[in-house]
Amino acid sequence: MSIKIYNTLTRKKEEFIPITPAKVGMYVCGVTVYDECHIGHARSAIVFDIIRRYFKYRGYEVKFVKNITDIDDKIIDKAHQFNKILSKTMALKERCQWVVDKFLKFYYKDMKNLGVEKPDIEPRATQHIPDMIKLIENLIKKGYAYNTNGNVYFSIGRFKDYGKLSNQNIERILSGVRVDLEEDKKDKLDFALWKSAKDDEPYWESPWGNGRPGWHIECSTMSMKYLGENFDIHGGGIDLVFPHHENEIAQSESGTGKTFANYWLHNGLLSVNGEKMSKSLGNFISVSDIMADYTPEVLRLFFISSHYASPQDFTYEKMDEQKKALERFYILFTKIDSYLEKANVKREIMERILDDIKQKIDSFKNSFIDAMDDDFNTALASGFLFDLLTFTNKVLDDGTIAPKEKYYILRYAKKVILELGSIFGLFSKTATMTKEAELVKDLIGFLIELREGARKNKDFKTADLIRQRLLKMGFILEDTKENTTFRDVR
């Protein structure tokens, strides 16, 4: 089955046909570095991280480009806010750079903590000013842009298809959007490609005088520089459809005469307790805030519980539910590992498994893949992952399966769960166990053996003491018919 994608541009689900067979060129709008990342940023980052991972899982070679906006009105405003703590002799341009450096460190730390893989290319706006100037010059030459007093604007009336991404015509846009008319604009919807520099603002030299680029031109320039004038996928939040992505299409296709991006993917917005997230409302949750209470995998599991294009409401109750759901997998892994260690079976390469059970496990995997092929439906796909979890627990408890057969079944089931979970960025703790974790596991295993010995000798006082001390340390013992396992709840 081929991958199908809901294309915002056509407003329908389409089969994904790459420009170059088995290769994907994908550009996603990144952050403007003027503040800490919040969980809304985290959702977008994780959504496209999973989409990228899935393309690679399905055999595609992915070239993933995600920009950094390091010059913008918001950065300049933030630089003014730091006037009191920065040197009075520091120019505004230097203060802006200080703001960018400060929050870029937070951003990289957050992305690493969230398990978001680095882009293949991460261009910064200020490193591509000459490329932007070249594109603007081309638009002026073709009559799509004009210069007034050092400001260069794109004339939307010259682009016949303006509004095709947001599915609205210019009249509807004018009636529904408040736009302040600047004196040197010919039309109130015309947007800035180049802004003339104000006093003490960061600026670059250009044919129109000192200034800086508009926001929209940077993404057109950098995406086409690294992916070509026509590429496969452009992504971002649904809030970017208008005007940002609409303007990108207008200026890019006017400049090249080619289709800009073939598929447009947009993730839904995140609310908090049913309200828009805002510092003024007191419900702003930064990535560092959420990481203080939950692991990155809990947050990832929460995000995949909804389709990426749907709006999603964040609550701490939902996060607690996902934390418990994630624990079920780690409990299963602990039980499987314990069984495999104690099973009297040679650790040889798996050659056989009961066909009917293997087919059952493969059916969960195939259903997972079918769900992801259908517009990356993580909510449905994760359901099949939980179904496999339930099935594997039943195998563990099934006393009618011969030990050797159970050994191979559990190995295979765990392999499939880890394989599928890696697409979501889950279960990394089982993939790389630290020396400290190995030591803890060995010590608790030793205490479990002492407890079992005490129980056999009917020394229940000692057995209970071991359980209580481990519980106090954050480890819960779970007794089954076959053995005793532990769960880390620290």
Foldseek 3Di string as FASTA:
>chain_A
DAFWAQFLLVRGIGGADFPDPLEAEEEEEADEQQDFAFVQNVLFLLVVLLVVLVSVVVRHHYQYEYEYELDDPSLLVSLVVCCVVDDVPDFSVRSSVVSNVVRVVNVVVLCVQLVRDDGNYYYYLVVCQVLLLVLLVLCVVLPQWDDDQLWIWGDVVVQPCQCSSVVDDPVVCVVPDDFDDDPRDPDRPIDTQWDADDPRGDWDQHPSGTTGGDDQSSSLRVSCVPANLEGEEYEYAPVCSPPRVSVSQRSSCSNPVDGRYDGYYHFYGEAEPPHRDDVVVVRTGGSVNVVVPDGSQLSLQLSLLAQRRDYYYDDVVSSVVSVVVQLLVVVLVQLLVVLLVPQPDDPDPDDDAPVVLVVVLVVLVVQLSVCCSHNHNSSRSVVSLVVLSVVLVVLSVDPVDDSVNSNSSSVVSNVSSVVSVVSSPPDVCVVDPDPVNVVVQVVVVVLQVVLVVCVVVVVVVSNVVSQVVVVVVQKHWDDDPVGIGIGGGD
